[in-house]
Structure formats: C-alpha cells, structure tokens
Amino acid sequence: VFPVIMGLYSLYYVAILTGHFLPDMYGRRIILMSTGVFCGT
C-alpha cells in the first residue's frame, strides 16, 4: 500500500493547489456541489 498512498497524497497536494484559481473561475457553489456528489458516488 505504501506506493499507492504516496501517489494518493502527491495527487491530493496538486489538487489542493487548484483552490487558488478554480473558485474564481467557476464559483464556489458549483465546485462544492459537484465534488461532493462525485466523492459520494
């Protein structure tokens, strides 16, 4: 599991960096709702 976890956390870090520009481009509501539905699915 170690290589998989390292890949997951590296990807998580890159995804967090999108928080600097995605909310301004698309809005907060659409991102929160779509990611919430996607995570649940």
Full PDB file with SEQRES, HELIX, SHEET, SSBOND, CRYST1, ORIGX, SCALE, CONECT and MASTER records, all heavy atoms in Angstrom:
SEQRES   1 A   41  VAL PHE PRO VAL ILE MET GLY LEU TYR SER LEU TYR TYR          
SEQRES   2 A   41  VAL ALA ILE LEU THR GLY HIS PHE LEU PRO ASP MET TYR          
SEQRES   3 A   41  GLY ARG ARG ILE ILE LEU MET SER THR GLY VAL PHE CYS          
SEQRES   4 A   41  GLY THR                                                      
HELIX    1 AA1 PHE A    2  ILE A   16  1                                  15    
HELIX    2 AA2 LEU A   17  HIS A   20  5                                   4    
HELIX    3 AA3 LEU A   22  TYR A   26  1                                   5    
HELIX    4 AA4 ARG A   28  GLY A   40  1                                  13    
CRYST1    1.000    1.000    1.000  90.00  90.00  90.00 P 1           1          
ORIGX1      1.000000  0.000000  0.000000        0.00000                         
ORIGX2      0.000000  1.000000  0.000000        0.00000                         
ORIGX3      0.000000  0.000000  1.000000        0.00000                         
SCALE1      1.000000  0.000000  0.000000        0.00000                         
SCALE2      0.000000  1.000000  0.000000        0.00000                         
SCALE3      0.000000  0.000000  1.000000        0.00000                         
ATOM      1  N   VAL A   1       0.798  -1.229   0.000  1.00  0.00           N  
ATOM      2  CA  VAL A   1       0.000   0.000   0.000  1.00  0.00           C  
ATOM      3  C   VAL A   1       0.829   1.275   0.000  1.00  0.00           C  
ATOM      4  O   VAL A   1       0.331   2.331  -0.380  1.00  0.00           O  
ATOM      5  CB  VAL A   1      -0.981   0.024   1.195  1.00  0.00           C  
ATOM      6  CG1 VAL A   1      -1.977  -1.100   1.098  1.00  0.00           C  
ATOM      7  CG2 VAL A   1      -0.254  -0.008   2.513  1.00  0.00           C  
ATOM      8  N   PHE A   2       2.099   1.211   0.410  1.00  0.00           N  
ATOM      9  CA  PHE A   2       2.894   2.427   0.546  1.00  0.00           C  
ATOM     10  C   PHE A   2       3.028   3.219  -0.760  1.00  0.00           C  
ATOM     11  O   PHE A   2       2.788   4.430  -0.757  1.00  0.00           O  
ATOM     12  CB  PHE A   2       4.280   2.108   1.122  1.00  0.00           C  
ATOM     13  CG  PHE A   2       5.104   3.335   1.356  1.00  0.00           C  
ATOM     14  CD1 PHE A   2       4.805   4.209   2.400  1.00  0.00           C  
ATOM     15  CD2 PHE A   2       6.171   3.634   0.526  1.00  0.00           C  
ATOM     16  CE1 PHE A   2       5.549   5.343   2.615  1.00  0.00           C  
ATOM     17  CE2 PHE A   2       6.924   4.772   0.728  1.00  0.00           C  
ATOM     18  CZ  PHE A   2       6.619   5.630   1.775  1.00  0.00           C  
ATOM     19  N   PRO A   3       3.378   2.603  -1.894  1.00  0.00           N  
ATOM     20  CA  PRO A   3       3.471   3.398  -3.130  1.00  0.00           C  
ATOM     21  C   PRO A   3       2.130   4.002  -3.550  1.00  0.00           C  
ATOM     22  O   PRO A   3       2.080   5.119  -4.068  1.00  0.00           O  
ATOM     23  CB  PRO A   3       3.955   2.403  -4.189  1.00  0.00           C  
ATOM     24  CG  PRO A   3       4.443   1.225  -3.462  1.00  0.00           C  
ATOM     25  CD  PRO A   3       3.810   1.228  -2.114  1.00  0.00           C  
ATOM     26  N   VAL A   4       1.060   3.284  -3.297  1.00  0.00           N  
ATOM     27  CA  VAL A   4      -0.262   3.797  -3.641  1.00  0.00           C  
ATOM     28  C   VAL A   4      -0.593   5.012  -2.779  1.00  0.00           C  
ATOM     29  O   VAL A   4      -1.089   6.034  -3.273  1.00  0.00           O  
ATOM     30  CB  VAL A   4      -1.341   2.693  -3.479  1.00  0.00           C  
ATOM     31  CG1 VAL A   4      -2.729   3.235  -3.765  1.00  0.00           C  
ATOM     32  CG2 VAL A   4      -1.037   1.512  -4.372  1.00  0.00           C  
ATOM     33  N   ILE A   5      -0.289   4.936  -1.487  1.00  0.00           N  
ATOM     34  CA  ILE A   5      -0.567   6.058  -0.588  1.00  0.00           C  
ATOM     35  C   ILE A   5       0.290   7.266  -0.954  1.00  0.00           C  
ATOM     36  O   ILE A   5      -0.192   8.406  -0.937  1.00  0.00           O  
ATOM     37  CB  ILE A   5      -0.351   5.638   0.879  1.00  0.00           C  
ATOM     38  CG1 ILE A   5      -1.434   4.650   1.284  1.00  0.00           C  
ATOM     39  CG2 ILE A   5      -0.371   6.841   1.807  1.00  0.00           C  
ATOM     40  CD1 ILE A   5      -1.234   4.059   2.642  1.00  0.00           C  
ATOM     41  N   MET A   6       1.548   7.047  -1.296  1.00  0.00           N  
ATOM     42  CA  MET A   6       2.407   8.171  -1.688  1.00  0.00           C  
ATOM     43  C   MET A   6       1.869   8.832  -2.959  1.00  0.00           C  
ATOM     44  O   MET A   6       1.863  10.052  -3.080  1.00  0.00           O  
ATOM     45  CB  MET A   6       3.852   7.702  -1.901  1.00  0.00           C  
ATOM     46  CG  MET A   6       4.538   7.289  -0.622  1.00  0.00           C  
ATOM     47  SD  MET A   6       4.469   8.533   0.692  1.00  0.00           S  
ATOM     48  CE  MET A   6       5.364   9.863  -0.027  1.00  0.00           C  
ATOM     49  N   GLY A   7       1.389   8.033  -3.896  1.00  0.00           N  
ATOM     50  CA  GLY A   7       0.772   8.592  -5.099  1.00  0.00           C  
ATOM     51  C   GLY A   7      -0.501   9.360  -4.780  1.00  0.00           C  
ATOM     52  O   GLY A   7      -0.746  10.434  -5.327  1.00  0.00           O  
ATOM     53  N   LEU A   8      -1.310   8.815  -3.873  1.00  0.00           N  
ATOM     54  CA  LEU A   8      -2.545   9.490  -3.478  1.00  0.00           C  
ATOM     55  C   LEU A   8      -2.265  10.844  -2.838  1.00  0.00           C  
ATOM     56  O   LEU A   8      -2.897  11.849  -3.185  1.00  0.00           O  
ATOM     57  CB  LEU A   8      -3.329   8.619  -2.489  1.00  0.00           C  
ATOM     58  CG  LEU A   8      -4.136   7.474  -3.062  1.00  0.00           C  
ATOM     59  CD1 LEU A   8      -4.666   6.585  -1.954  1.00  0.00           C  
ATOM     60  CD2 LEU A   8      -5.272   7.996  -3.911  1.00  0.00           C  
ATOM     61  N   TYR A   9      -1.339  10.881  -1.911  1.00  0.00           N  
ATOM     62  CA  TYR A   9      -1.063  12.141  -1.223  1.00  0.00           C  
ATOM     63  C   TYR A   9      -0.377  13.162  -2.124  1.00  0.00           C  
ATOM     64  O   TYR A   9      -0.590  14.365  -1.959  1.00  0.00           O  
ATOM     65  CB  TYR A   9      -0.273  11.899   0.058  1.00  0.00           C  
ATOM     66  CG  TYR A   9      -1.120  11.277   1.149  1.00  0.00           C  
ATOM     67  CD1 TYR A   9      -0.568  10.456   2.110  1.00  0.00           C  
ATOM     68  CD2 TYR A   9      -2.489  11.507   1.214  1.00  0.00           C  
ATOM     69  CE1 TYR A   9      -1.342   9.890   3.101  1.00  0.00           C  
ATOM     70  CE2 TYR A   9      -3.275  10.941   2.199  1.00  0.00           C  
ATOM     71  CZ  TYR A   9      -2.701  10.142   3.138  1.00  0.00           C  
ATOM     72  OH  TYR A   9      -3.486   9.577   4.125  1.00  0.00           O  
ATOM     73  N   SER A  10       0.434  12.697  -3.061  1.00  0.00           N  
ATOM     74  CA  SER A  10       1.027  13.625  -4.033  1.00  0.00           C  
ATOM     75  C   SER A  10      -0.057  14.233  -4.915  1.00  0.00           C  
ATOM     76  O   SER A  10      -0.058  15.438  -5.181  1.00  0.00           O  
ATOM     77  CB  SER A  10       2.062  12.900  -4.899  1.00  0.00           C  
ATOM     78  OG  SER A  10       3.103  12.413  -4.109  1.00  0.00           O  
ATOM     79  N   LEU A  11      -0.972  13.404  -5.364  1.00  0.00           N  
ATOM     80  CA  LEU A  11      -2.085  13.880  -6.177  1.00  0.00           C  
ATOM     81  C   LEU A  11      -2.994  14.818  -5.373  1.00  0.00           C  
ATOM     82  O   LEU A  11      -3.471  15.829  -5.900  1.00  0.00           O  
ATOM     83  CB  LEU A  11      -2.879  12.682  -6.686  1.00  0.00           C  
ATOM     84  CG  LEU A  11      -3.974  12.953  -7.684  1.00  0.00           C  
ATOM     85  CD1 LEU A  11      -3.374  13.510  -8.979  1.00  0.00           C  
ATOM     86  CD2 LEU A  11      -4.725  11.676  -7.984  1.00  0.00           C  
ATOM     87  N   TYR A  12      -3.196  14.493  -4.109  1.00  0.00           N  
ATOM     88  CA  TYR A  12      -4.005  15.339  -3.221  1.00  0.00           C  
ATOM     89  C   TYR A  12      -3.395  16.729  -3.094  1.00  0.00           C  
ATOM     90  O   TYR A  12      -4.091  17.738  -3.141  1.00  0.00           O  
ATOM     91  CB  TYR A  12      -4.117  14.651  -1.856  1.00  0.00           C  
ATOM     92  CG  TYR A  12      -4.939  15.388  -0.831  1.00  0.00           C  
ATOM     93  CD1 TYR A  12      -6.290  15.633  -1.040  1.00  0.00           C  
ATOM     94  CD2 TYR A  12      -4.367  15.811   0.362  1.00  0.00           C  
ATOM     95  CE1 TYR A  12      -7.054  16.297  -0.087  1.00  0.00           C  
ATOM     96  CE2 TYR A  12      -5.122  16.468   1.317  1.00  0.00           C  
ATOM     97  CZ  TYR A  12      -6.463  16.711   1.085  1.00  0.00           C  
ATOM     98  OH  TYR A  12      -7.206  17.356   2.027  1.00  0.00           O  
ATOM     99  N   TYR A  13      -2.081  16.794  -2.947  1.00  0.00           N  
ATOM    100  CA  TYR A  13      -1.385  18.078  -2.839  1.00  0.00           C  
ATOM    101  C   TYR A  13      -1.590  18.912  -4.105  1.00  0.00           C  
ATOM    102  O   TYR A  13      -1.897  20.105  -4.032  1.00  0.00           O  
ATOM    103  CB  TYR A  13       0.103  17.853  -2.577  1.00  0.00           C  
ATOM    104  CG  TYR A  13       0.899  19.126  -2.549  1.00  0.00           C  
ATOM    105  CD1 TYR A  13       0.785  20.017  -1.488  1.00  0.00           C  
ATOM    106  CD2 TYR A  13       1.762  19.448  -3.589  1.00  0.00           C  
ATOM    107  CE1 TYR A  13       1.505  21.189  -1.468  1.00  0.00           C  
ATOM    108  CE2 TYR A  13       2.490  20.623  -3.566  1.00  0.00           C  
ATOM    109  CZ  TYR A  13       2.361  21.487  -2.507  1.00  0.00           C  
ATOM    110  OH  TYR A  13       3.065  22.649  -2.488  1.00  0.00           O  
ATOM    111  N   VAL A  14      -1.447  18.289  -5.256  1.00  0.00           N  
ATOM    112  CA  VAL A  14      -1.650  19.008  -6.528  1.00  0.00           C  
ATOM    113  C   VAL A  14      -3.103  19.482  -6.636  1.00  0.00           C  
ATOM    114  O   VAL A  14      -3.372  20.608  -7.061  1.00  0.00           O  
ATOM    115  CB  VAL A  14      -1.265  18.112  -7.724  1.00  0.00           C  
ATOM    116  CG1 VAL A  14      -1.658  18.744  -9.045  1.00  0.00           C  
ATOM    117  CG2 VAL A  14       0.237  17.817  -7.695  1.00  0.00           C  
ATOM    118  N   ALA A  15      -4.042  18.646  -6.232  1.00  0.00           N  
ATOM    119  CA  ALA A  15      -5.455  19.016  -6.300  1.00  0.00           C  
ATOM    120  C   ALA A  15      -5.770  20.176  -5.361  1.00  0.00           C  
ATOM    121  O   ALA A  15      -6.581  21.050  -5.696  1.00  0.00           O  
ATOM    122  CB  ALA A  15      -6.332  17.806  -5.974  1.00  0.00           C  
ATOM    123  N   ILE A  16      -5.137  20.213  -4.200  1.00  0.00           N  
ATOM    124  CA  ILE A  16      -5.356  21.316  -3.265  1.00  0.00           C  
ATOM    125  C   ILE A  16      -4.899  22.642  -3.881  1.00  0.00           C  
ATOM    126  O   ILE A  16      -5.511  23.685  -3.641  1.00  0.00           O  
ATOM    127  CB  ILE A  16      -4.630  21.045  -1.932  1.00  0.00           C  
ATOM    128  CG1 ILE A  16      -5.382  19.991  -1.141  1.00  0.00           C  
ATOM    129  CG2 ILE A  16      -4.501  22.316  -1.101  1.00  0.00           C  
ATOM    130  CD1 ILE A  16      -4.687  19.566   0.133  1.00  0.00           C  
ATOM    131  N   LEU A  17      -3.853  22.609  -4.673  1.00  0.00           N  
ATOM    132  CA  LEU A  17      -3.341  23.840  -5.283  1.00  0.00           C  
ATOM    133  C   LEU A  17      -4.348  24.492  -6.234  1.00  0.00           C  
ATOM    134  O   LEU A  17      -4.244  25.677  -6.518  1.00  0.00           O  
ATOM    135  CB  LEU A  17      -2.030  23.560  -6.022  1.00  0.00           C  
ATOM    136  CG  LEU A  17      -0.854  23.144  -5.129  1.00  0.00           C  
ATOM    137  CD1 LEU A  17       0.361  22.817  -5.973  1.00  0.00           C  
ATOM    138  CD2 LEU A  17      -0.531  24.224  -4.110  1.00  0.00           C  
ATOM    139  N   THR A  18      -5.339  23.742  -6.690  1.00  0.00           N  
ATOM    140  CA  THR A  18      -6.361  24.320  -7.566  1.00  0.00           C  
ATOM    141  C   THR A  18      -7.276  25.281  -6.826  1.00  0.00           C  
ATOM    142  O   THR A  18      -8.000  26.047  -7.451  1.00  0.00           O  
ATOM    143  CB  THR A  18      -7.227  23.220  -8.212  1.00  0.00           C  
ATOM    144  OG1 THR A  18      -7.953  22.537  -7.181  1.00  0.00           O  
ATOM    145  CG2 THR A  18      -6.387  22.236  -9.001  1.00  0.00           C  
ATOM    146  N   GLY A  19      -7.248  25.241  -5.498  1.00  0.00           N  
ATOM    147  CA  GLY A  19      -8.082  26.123  -4.693  1.00  0.00           C  
ATOM    148  C   GLY A  19      -7.732  27.595  -4.840  1.00  0.00           C  
ATOM    149  O   GLY A  19      -8.476  28.455  -4.411  1.00  0.00           O  
ATOM    150  N   HIS A  20      -6.605  27.874  -5.474  1.00  0.00           N  
ATOM    151  CA  HIS A  20      -6.202  29.268  -5.679  1.00  0.00           C  
ATOM    152  C   HIS A  20      -6.870  29.906  -6.886  1.00  0.00           C  
ATOM    153  O   HIS A  20      -6.975  31.118  -6.951  1.00  0.00           O  
ATOM    154  CB  HIS A  20      -4.681  29.367  -5.823  1.00  0.00           C  
ATOM    155  CG  HIS A  20      -3.953  28.923  -4.605  1.00  0.00           C  
ATOM    156  ND1 HIS A  20      -3.949  29.642  -3.433  1.00  0.00           N  
ATOM    157  CD2 HIS A  20      -3.220  27.810  -4.358  1.00  0.00           C  
ATOM    158  CE1 HIS A  20      -3.223  29.001  -2.526  1.00  0.00           C  
ATOM    159  NE2 HIS A  20      -2.783  27.887  -3.063  1.00  0.00           N  
ATOM    160  N   PHE A  21      -7.292  29.104  -7.862  1.00  0.00           N  
ATOM    161  CA  PHE A  21      -7.857  29.697  -9.079  1.00  0.00           C  
ATOM    162  C   PHE A  21      -9.222  29.148  -9.479  1.00  0.00           C  
ATOM    163  O   PHE A  21     -10.006  29.860 -10.088  1.00  0.00           O  
ATOM    164  CB  PHE A  21      -6.879  29.580 -10.256  1.00  0.00           C  
ATOM    165  CG  PHE A  21      -6.522  28.173 -10.626  1.00  0.00           C  
ATOM    166  CD1 PHE A  21      -7.292  27.480 -11.553  1.00  0.00           C  
ATOM    167  CD2 PHE A  21      -5.431  27.546 -10.069  1.00  0.00           C  
ATOM    168  CE1 PHE A  21      -6.969  26.195 -11.910  1.00  0.00           C  
ATOM    169  CE2 PHE A  21      -5.097  26.252 -10.421  1.00  0.00           C  
ATOM    170  CZ  PHE A  21      -5.871  25.573 -11.346  1.00  0.00           C  
ATOM    171  N   LEU A  22      -9.547  27.910  -9.162  1.00  0.00           N  
ATOM    172  CA  LEU A  22     -10.844  27.351  -9.570  1.00  0.00           C  
ATOM    173  C   LEU A  22     -12.054  28.083  -8.984  1.00  0.00           C  
ATOM    174  O   LEU A  22     -13.033  28.295  -9.704  1.00  0.00           O  
ATOM    175  CB  LEU A  22     -10.919  25.860  -9.238  1.00  0.00           C  
ATOM    176  CG  LEU A  22     -10.153  24.924 -10.155  1.00  0.00           C  
ATOM    177  CD1 LEU A  22     -10.340  23.477  -9.707  1.00  0.00           C  
ATOM    178  CD2 LEU A  22     -10.563  25.085 -11.598  1.00  0.00           C  
ATOM    179  N   PRO A  23     -12.042  28.476  -7.709  1.00  0.00           N  
ATOM    180  CA  PRO A  23     -13.213  29.193  -7.179  1.00  0.00           C  
ATOM    181  C   PRO A  23     -13.496  30.502  -7.918  1.00  0.00           C  
ATOM    182  O   PRO A  23     -14.654  30.869  -8.113  1.00  0.00           O  
ATOM    183  CB  PRO A  23     -12.857  29.468  -5.719  1.00  0.00           C  
ATOM    184  CG  PRO A  23     -11.829  28.459  -5.386  1.00  0.00           C  
ATOM    185  CD  PRO A  23     -11.084  28.192  -6.653  1.00  0.00           C  
ATOM    186  N   ASP A  24     -12.447  31.187  -8.338  1.00  0.00           N  
ATOM    187  CA  ASP A  24     -12.642  32.435  -9.067  1.00  0.00           C  
ATOM    188  C   ASP A  24     -13.106  32.195 -10.503  1.00  0.00           C  
ATOM    189  O   ASP A  24     -13.825  33.007 -11.072  1.00  0.00           O  
ATOM    190  CB  ASP A  24     -11.349  33.258  -9.076  1.00  0.00           C  
ATOM    191  CG  ASP A  24     -10.966  33.706  -7.676  1.00  0.00           C  
ATOM    192  OD1 ASP A  24     -11.875  33.859  -6.836  1.00  0.00           O  
ATOM    193  OD2 ASP A  24      -9.762  33.896  -7.420  1.00  0.00           O  
ATOM    194  N   MET A  25     -12.715  31.062 -11.071  1.00  0.00           N  
ATOM    195  CA  MET A  25     -13.088  30.769 -12.457  1.00  0.00           C  
ATOM    196  C   MET A  25     -14.525  30.251 -12.563  1.00  0.00           C  
ATOM    197  O   MET A  25     -15.247  30.627 -13.481  1.00  0.00           O  
ATOM    198  CB  MET A  25     -12.130  29.740 -13.062  1.00  0.00           C  
ATOM    199  CG  MET A  25     -10.734  30.284 -13.306  1.00  0.00           C  
ATOM    200  SD  MET A  25      -9.581  29.018 -13.879  1.00  0.00           S  
ATOM    201  CE  MET A  25     -10.341  28.472 -15.380  1.00  0.00           C  
ATOM    202  N   TYR A  26     -14.913  29.357 -11.658  1.00  0.00           N  
ATOM    203  CA  TYR A  26     -16.192  28.664 -11.795  1.00  0.00           C  
ATOM    204  C   TYR A  26     -17.188  28.956 -10.676  1.00  0.00           C  
ATOM    205  O   TYR A  26     -18.357  28.583 -10.782  1.00  0.00           O  
ATOM    206  CB  TYR A  26     -15.965  27.148 -11.877  1.00  0.00           C  
ATOM    207  CG  TYR A  26     -15.128  26.760 -13.052  1.00  0.00           C  
ATOM    208  CD1 TYR A  26     -13.802  26.373 -12.887  1.00  0.00           C  
ATOM    209  CD2 TYR A  26     -15.640  26.810 -14.340  1.00  0.00           C  
ATOM    210  CE1 TYR A  26     -13.019  26.026 -13.972  1.00  0.00           C  
ATOM    211  CE2 TYR A  26     -14.864  26.467 -15.430  1.00  0.00           C  
ATOM    212  CZ  TYR A  26     -13.560  26.077 -15.239  1.00  0.00           C  
ATOM    213  OH  TYR A  26     -12.785  25.747 -16.315  1.00  0.00           O  
ATOM    214  N   GLY A  27     -16.732  29.546  -9.597  1.00  0.00           N  
ATOM    215  CA  GLY A  27     -17.621  29.811  -8.474  1.00  0.00           C  
ATOM    216  C   GLY A  27     -17.519  28.726  -7.421  1.00  0.00           C  
ATOM    217  O   GLY A  27     -17.176  27.585  -7.707  1.00  0.00           O  
ATOM    218  N   ARG A  28     -17.849  29.100  -6.202  1.00  0.00           N  
ATOM    219  CA  ARG A  28     -17.713  28.174  -5.081  1.00  0.00           C  
ATOM    220  C   ARG A  28     -18.804  27.110  -5.059  1.00  0.00           C  
ATOM    221  O   ARG A  28     -18.548  25.944  -4.816  1.00  0.00           O  
ATOM    222  CB  ARG A  28     -17.741  28.965  -3.767  1.00  0.00           C  
ATOM    223  CG  ARG A  28     -16.471  29.753  -3.537  1.00  0.00           C  
ATOM    224  CD  ARG A  28     -16.763  31.043  -2.814  1.00  0.00           C  
ATOM    225  NE  ARG A  28     -15.587  31.807  -2.462  1.00  0.00           N  
ATOM    226  CZ  ARG A  28     -14.818  32.464  -3.322  1.00  0.00           C  
ATOM    227  NH1 ARG A  28     -15.079  32.430  -4.605  1.00  0.00           N  
ATOM    228  NH2 ARG A  28     -13.775  33.149  -2.908  1.00  0.00           N  
ATOM    229  N   ARG A  29     -20.023  27.514  -5.300  1.00  0.00           N  
ATOM    230  CA  ARG A  29     -21.159  26.601  -5.176  1.00  0.00           C  
ATOM    231  C   ARG A  29     -21.061  25.411  -6.126  1.00  0.00           C  
ATOM    232  O   ARG A  29     -21.233  24.262  -5.719  1.00  0.00           O  
ATOM    233  CB  ARG A  29     -22.462  27.356  -5.413  1.00  0.00           C  
ATOM    234  CG  ARG A  29     -23.684  26.484  -5.236  1.00  0.00           C  
ATOM    235  CD  ARG A  29     -24.950  27.260  -5.415  1.00  0.00           C  
ATOM    236  NE  ARG A  29     -25.007  28.296  -4.387  1.00  0.00           N  
ATOM    237  CZ  ARG A  29     -25.808  29.331  -4.428  1.00  0.00           C  
ATOM    238  NH1 ARG A  29     -26.627  29.494  -5.431  1.00  0.00           N  
ATOM    239  NH2 ARG A  29     -25.809  30.213  -3.456  1.00  0.00           N  
ATOM    240  N   ILE A  30     -20.782  25.676  -7.392  1.00  0.00           N  
ATOM    241  CA  ILE A  30     -20.733  24.580  -8.377  1.00  0.00           C  
ATOM    242  C   ILE A  30     -19.599  23.604  -8.063  1.00  0.00           C  
ATOM    243  O   ILE A  30     -19.761  22.392  -8.204  1.00  0.00           O  
ATOM    244  CB  ILE A  30     -20.647  25.126  -9.827  1.00  0.00           C  
ATOM    245  CG1 ILE A  30     -20.841  24.003 -10.844  1.00  0.00           C  
ATOM    246  CG2 ILE A  30     -19.323  25.830 -10.079  1.00  0.00           C  
ATOM    247  CD1 ILE A  30     -22.229  23.472 -10.897  1.00  0.00           C  
ATOM    248  N   ILE A  31     -18.469  24.129  -7.599  1.00  0.00           N  
ATOM    249  CA  ILE A  31     -17.352  23.243  -7.271  1.00  0.00           C  
ATOM    250  C   ILE A  31     -17.677  22.409  -6.036  1.00  0.00           C  
ATOM    251  O   ILE A  31     -17.439  21.197  -6.021  1.00  0.00           O  
ATOM    252  CB  ILE A  31     -16.051  24.042  -7.082  1.00  0.00           C  
ATOM    253  CG1 ILE A  31     -15.625  24.667  -8.410  1.00  0.00           C  
ATOM    254  CG2 ILE A  31     -14.933  23.150  -6.558  1.00  0.00           C  
ATOM    255  CD1 ILE A  31     -14.445  25.597  -8.323  1.00  0.00           C  
ATOM    256  N   LEU A  32     -18.224  23.019  -5.009  1.00  0.00           N  
ATOM    257  CA  LEU A  32     -18.565  22.270  -3.796  1.00  0.00           C  
ATOM    258  C   LEU A  32     -19.614  21.198  -4.062  1.00  0.00           C  
ATOM    259  O   LEU A  32     -19.499  20.066  -3.589  1.00  0.00           O  
ATOM    260  CB  LEU A  32     -19.047  23.213  -2.699  1.00  0.00           C  
ATOM    261  CG  LEU A  32     -17.971  24.010  -1.979  1.00  0.00           C  
ATOM    262  CD1 LEU A  32     -18.597  25.029  -1.042  1.00  0.00           C  
ATOM    263  CD2 LEU A  32     -17.055  23.084  -1.202  1.00  0.00           C  
ATOM    264  N   MET A  33     -20.651  21.541  -4.817  1.00  0.00           N  
ATOM    265  CA  MET A  33     -21.715  20.564  -5.084  1.00  0.00           C  
ATOM    266  C   MET A  33     -21.220  19.435  -5.993  1.00  0.00           C  
ATOM    267  O   MET A  33     -21.501  18.270  -5.728  1.00  0.00           O  
ATOM    268  CB  MET A  33     -22.927  21.257  -5.675  1.00  0.00           C  
ATOM    269  CG  MET A  33     -23.644  22.121  -4.658  1.00  0.00           C  
ATOM    270  SD  MET A  33     -25.277  22.732  -5.141  1.00  0.00           S  
ATOM    271  CE  MET A  33     -25.002  23.430  -6.727  1.00  0.00           C  
ATOM    272  N   SER A  34     -20.494  19.779  -7.043  1.00  0.00           N  
ATOM    273  CA  SER A  34     -20.049  18.732  -7.970  1.00  0.00           C  
ATOM    274  C   SER A  34     -19.018  17.811  -7.332  1.00  0.00           C  
ATOM    275  O   SER A  34     -19.081  16.594  -7.505  1.00  0.00           O  
ATOM    276  CB  SER A  34     -19.498  19.356  -9.252  1.00  0.00           C  
ATOM    277  OG  SER A  34     -18.374  20.159  -8.981  1.00  0.00           O  
ATOM    278  N   THR A  35     -18.075  18.373  -6.564  1.00  0.00           N  
ATOM    279  CA  THR A  35     -17.089  17.500  -5.909  1.00  0.00           C  
ATOM    280  C   THR A  35     -17.730  16.659  -4.818  1.00  0.00           C  
ATOM    281  O   THR A  35     -17.342  15.510  -4.613  1.00  0.00           O  
ATOM    282  CB  THR A  35     -15.917  18.314  -5.333  1.00  0.00           C  
ATOM    283  OG1 THR A  35     -16.418  19.306  -4.440  1.00  0.00           O  
ATOM    284  CG2 THR A  35     -15.099  18.962  -6.434  1.00  0.00           C  
ATOM    285  N   GLY A  36     -18.717  17.220  -4.111  1.00  0.00           N  
ATOM    286  CA  GLY A  36     -19.417  16.441  -3.085  1.00  0.00           C  
ATOM    287  C   GLY A  36     -20.160  15.250  -3.677  1.00  0.00           C  
ATOM    288  O   GLY A  36     -20.083  14.136  -3.164  1.00  0.00           O  
ATOM    289  N   VAL A  37     -20.867  15.484  -4.774  1.00  0.00           N  
ATOM    290  CA  VAL A  37     -21.588  14.398  -5.446  1.00  0.00           C  
ATOM    291  C   VAL A  37     -20.606  13.372  -6.007  1.00  0.00           C  
ATOM    292  O   VAL A  37     -20.813  12.161  -5.889  1.00  0.00           O  
ATOM    293  CB  VAL A  37     -22.501  14.965  -6.557  1.00  0.00           C  
ATOM    294  CG1 VAL A  37     -23.025  13.862  -7.462  1.00  0.00           C  
ATOM    295  CG2 VAL A  37     -23.652  15.738  -5.948  1.00  0.00           C  
ATOM    296  N   PHE A  38     -19.518  13.850  -6.588  1.00  0.00           N  
ATOM    297  CA  PHE A  38     -18.532  12.946  -7.178  1.00  0.00           C  
ATOM    298  C   PHE A  38     -17.862  12.089  -6.098  1.00  0.00           C  
ATOM    299  O   PHE A  38     -17.688  10.879  -6.278  1.00  0.00           O  
ATOM    300  CB  PHE A  38     -17.488  13.733  -7.969  1.00  0.00           C  
ATOM    301  CG  PHE A  38     -16.575  12.870  -8.770  1.00  0.00           C  
ATOM    302  CD1 PHE A  38     -17.004  12.316  -9.962  1.00  0.00           C  
ATOM    303  CD2 PHE A  38     -15.295  12.594  -8.328  1.00  0.00           C  
ATOM    304  CE1 PHE A  38     -16.169  11.509 -10.706  1.00  0.00           C  
ATOM    305  CE2 PHE A  38     -14.452  11.788  -9.062  1.00  0.00           C  
ATOM    306  CZ  PHE A  38     -14.882  11.240 -10.249  1.00  0.00           C  
ATOM    307  N   CYS A  39     -17.479  12.710  -4.965  1.00  0.00           N  
ATOM    308  CA  CYS A  39     -16.865  11.950  -3.870  1.00  0.00           C  
ATOM    309  C   CYS A  39     -17.828  10.879  -3.346  1.00  0.00           C  
ATOM    310  O   CYS A  39     -17.437   9.728  -3.128  1.00  0.00           O  
ATOM    311  CB  CYS A  39     -16.460  12.884  -2.732  1.00  0.00           C  
ATOM    312  SG  CYS A  39     -14.958  13.822  -3.009  1.00  0.00           S  
ATOM    313  N   GLY A  40     -19.087  11.262  -3.143  1.00  0.00           N  
ATOM    314  CA  GLY A  40     -20.082  10.307  -2.666  1.00  0.00           C  
ATOM    315  C   GLY A  40     -20.308   9.161  -3.639  1.00  0.00           C  
ATOM    316  O   GLY A  40     -20.433   8.005  -3.228  1.00  0.00           O  
ATOM    317  N   THR A  41     -20.339   9.472  -4.922  1.00  0.00           N  
ATOM    318  CA  THR A  41     -20.527   8.434  -5.940  1.00  0.00           C  
ATOM    319  C   THR A  41     -19.350   7.465  -5.959  1.00  0.00           C  
ATOM    320  O   THR A  41     -19.547   6.245  -6.024  1.00  0.00           O  
ATOM    321  CB  THR A  41     -20.706   9.074  -7.331  1.00  0.00           C  
ATOM    322  OG1 THR A  41     -21.808   9.985  -7.279  1.00  0.00           O  
ATOM    323  CG2 THR A  41     -20.953   8.038  -8.395  1.00  0.00           C  
TER     324      THR A  41                                                      
MASTER        0    0    0    4    0    0    0    6  323    1    0    4          
END                                                                             
